[in-house]
Amino acid sequence: MKNKIELLDVVALTEDLPKYKLERGQVGTVLEFLAPDVYEVEFTDNDGRTYAEVAVKEDQLLVLHYEPALA
C-alpha cells in the first residue's frame, strides 16, 4: 500500500541529486505541493539552517515514520 505524502512529512531522498549537492538518504521536510507528484522539500542542518530547498518528484522520496504503523 502506497503512503500519500502530506505537508510537513519528514522524508529521505531515495537517489542522489548532484545538481543540488544532495545525496541519497538526506532528510528533509515537505513544505508545499508544486504539481501532481512533485513537492517542495526543505533540507536543514542540525542547527535548523536551510541549505537546500528543492522540487522533488514523489518517486525520489521515502516518507519516514517515527511510530509503529497501526494495524
Protein backbone atom coordinates (compact mmCIF):
# COMPACT_ATOMS: atom_id res chain seq x y z
CA MET A 1 0.00 0.00 0.00
CA LYS A 2 1.43 3.37 -1.02
CA ASN A 3 1.54 6.15 1.57
CA LYS A 4 0.38 9.56 0.42
CA ILE A 5 2.90 12.30 1.07
CA GLU A 6 1.48 15.09 3.23
CA LEU A 7 2.63 18.61 4.06
CA LEU A 8 5.29 18.65 6.80
CA ASP A 9 6.11 14.95 6.33
CA VAL A 10 9.73 14.10 7.07
CA VAL A 11 11.21 12.41 4.00
CA ALA A 12 14.51 10.98 2.81
CA LEU A 13 15.90 11.05 -0.71
CA THR A 14 15.97 7.70 -2.49
CA GLU A 15 18.57 8.88 -5.01
CA ASP A 16 21.33 11.44 -5.37
CA LEU A 17 20.52 14.92 -6.69
CA PRO A 18 24.03 16.04 -7.69
CA LYS A 19 22.78 19.29 -9.25
CA TYR A 20 21.84 20.39 -5.71
CA LYS A 21 24.72 18.58 -3.93
CA LEU A 22 22.21 16.28 -2.19
CA GLU A 23 22.82 12.58 -1.62
CA ARG A 24 20.58 9.57 -1.21
CA GLY A 25 19.44 9.34 2.40
CA GLN A 26 19.46 13.05 3.17
CA VAL A 27 16.44 14.05 5.23
CA GLY A 28 14.11 16.96 4.57
CA THR A 29 10.61 18.28 5.24
CA VAL A 30 7.80 18.65 2.69
CA LEU A 31 6.82 22.32 2.53
CA GLU A 32 4.47 22.53 -0.44
CA PHE A 33 2.72 20.65 -3.23
CA LEU A 34 4.00 22.05 -6.55
CA ALA A 35 2.28 19.73 -9.03
CA PRO A 36 0.90 16.21 -9.06
CA ASP A 37 3.68 14.05 -7.60
CA VAL A 38 6.10 16.99 -7.14
CA TYR A 39 6.90 18.50 -3.74
CA GLU A 40 8.98 21.38 -2.42
CA VAL A 41 11.33 19.86 0.17
CA GLU A 42 13.46 21.84 2.61
CA PHE A 43 16.76 20.39 3.82
CA THR A 44 18.23 21.84 7.01
CA ASP A 45 21.35 21.26 9.08
CA ASN A 46 21.39 20.26 12.76
CA ASP A 47 21.06 23.93 13.75
CA GLY A 48 17.91 24.40 11.65
CA ARG A 49 19.60 26.42 8.90
CA THR A 50 18.24 25.70 5.42
CA TYR A 51 20.93 24.53 2.99
CA ALA A 52 18.63 23.48 0.13
CA GLU A 53 15.02 23.91 -0.92
CA VAL A 54 14.30 21.75 -3.95
CA ALA A 55 11.40 20.49 -6.07
CA VAL A 56 11.49 16.69 -5.77
CA LYS A 57 9.39 14.02 -7.50
CA GLU A 58 7.39 11.64 -5.34
CA ASP A 59 9.32 8.60 -6.60
CA GLN A 60 12.54 10.19 -5.27
CA LEU A 61 11.20 10.34 -1.71
CA LEU A 62 10.62 7.94 1.15
CA VAL A 63 8.32 9.06 3.98
CA LEU A 64 9.94 8.42 7.37
CA HIS A 65 7.91 7.14 10.33
CA TYR A 66 8.76 7.58 14.00
CA GLU A 67 5.98 5.41 15.39
CA PRO A 68 4.76 1.91 14.50
CA ALA A 69 2.01 1.65 11.90
CA LEU A 70 -1.44 0.88 13.22
CA ALA A 71 -2.86 -2.49 12.13
